[in-house]
Protein backbone atom coordinates (compact mmCIF):
# COMPACT_ATOMS: atom_id res chain seq x y z
CA MET A 1 1.71 23.88 15.99
CA HIS A 2 0.50 20.82 14.09
CA LYS A 3 2.96 17.94 13.75
CA ILE A 4 2.93 16.06 10.49
CA THR A 5 3.52 12.32 10.79
CA LEU A 6 5.52 10.21 8.36
CA GLU A 7 2.25 8.64 7.22
CA GLN A 8 0.67 12.02 6.43
CA GLN A 9 3.82 13.17 4.69
CA PHE A 10 3.95 10.07 2.47
CA ASN A 11 0.22 10.15 1.64
CA ALA A 12 0.38 13.83 0.64
CA ARG A 13 2.87 13.13 -2.15
CA GLN A 14 2.01 12.65 -5.81
CA LEU A 15 1.23 9.10 -6.98
CA ASP A 16 4.22 8.88 -9.32
CA LEU A 17 6.66 9.89 -6.56
CA LYS A 18 5.18 7.33 -4.16
CA TYR A 19 5.46 4.68 -6.87
CA LYS A 20 9.15 5.49 -7.51
CA ASP A 21 9.96 5.42 -3.79
CA ILE A 22 8.27 2.06 -3.31
CA TRP A 23 10.05 0.43 -6.23
CA ASN A 24 13.44 2.00 -5.44
CA ARG A 25 13.54 1.66 -1.65
CA GLY A 26 10.55 -0.43 -0.60
CA ILE A 27 10.56 -4.04 0.53
CA HIS A 28 7.75 -6.14 -0.92
CA LEU A 29 6.08 -8.10 1.89
CA PHE A 30 3.20 -9.84 0.15
CA THR A 31 0.50 -9.54 -2.52
CA ILE A 32 -3.13 -10.57 -2.21
CA ASP A 33 -5.32 -11.35 -5.18
CA ASP A 34 -8.93 -10.52 -4.29
CA LYS A 35 -10.98 -13.17 -6.07
CA ASN A 36 -14.28 -11.43 -5.23
CA ARG A 37 -13.31 -8.15 -6.91
CA ASP A 38 -11.00 -7.03 -9.67
CA PHE A 39 -8.33 -5.79 -7.26
CA GLN A 40 -4.90 -6.88 -6.21
CA TYR A 41 -3.34 -5.55 -3.01
CA SER A 42 0.44 -5.37 -2.60
CA ILE A 43 1.95 -4.48 0.76
CA PHE A 44 5.40 -2.93 1.01
CA TYR A 45 7.56 -1.69 3.86
CA ILE A 46 9.23 1.67 3.24
CA ASP A 47 10.72 4.29 5.56
CA LEU A 48 9.26 2.80 8.77
CA LEU A 49 5.79 2.64 7.19
CA PHE A 50 3.68 0.04 5.47
CA ALA A 51 2.40 1.00 2.02
CA GLU A 52 -0.64 -0.50 0.34
CA VAL A 53 -0.72 -0.47 -3.45
CA ILE A 54 -4.11 -1.31 -4.98
CA TYR A 55 -4.11 -2.43 -8.61
CA ASN A 56 -6.99 -2.94 -11.00
CA LYS A 57 -6.41 -6.46 -12.35
CA LEU A 58 -8.37 -5.82 -15.54
CA THR A 59 -6.48 -2.75 -16.71
CA GLY A 60 -3.23 -3.09 -14.74
CA ASP A 61 -3.62 0.48 -13.47
CA ILE A 62 -2.63 1.56 -9.99
CA ILE A 63 -5.73 2.83 -8.21
CA THR A 64 -4.04 4.17 -5.11
CA ILE A 65 -0.91 4.03 -2.99
CA LYS A 66 -1.48 4.76 0.67
CA SER A 67 0.77 4.34 3.67
CA PHE A 68 -0.25 3.25 7.12
CA ALA A 69 1.45 2.46 10.41
CA ASP A 70 -1.36 0.43 11.98
CA LYS A 71 -0.29 -3.17 12.54
CA ALA A 72 -3.95 -4.21 12.82
CA LYS A 73 -4.36 -3.51 9.09
CA ILE A 74 -1.49 -5.89 8.31
CA MET A 75 -3.13 -8.53 10.48
CA PHE A 76 -6.41 -8.01 8.58
CA TYR A 77 -4.70 -8.78 5.28
CA LEU A 78 -3.02 -11.84 6.73
CA ARG A 79 -6.20 -13.25 8.29
CA GLU A 80 -8.82 -12.31 5.69
CA ASP A 81 -9.87 -14.88 3.12
CA PHE A 82 -9.99 -13.18 -0.29
CA SER A 83 -10.95 -16.30 -2.24
């Protein structure tokens, strides 16, 4: 039997449902404005997972919402210089 993790369960959902969950129950941790590209990364905490929302700054569209549980990814965002 294959166990499905919370991360896999969240990532398998439709984009609009993930968006509603993040805005209704998520806690916004921080947002990073990537000066080298036209992206903005927002990190949220929801249901024991971190969620990364990537926006296109030019159009305002959400490109993707993906959850992760790896703390190393959070540390990458905190240490990386996006200027």
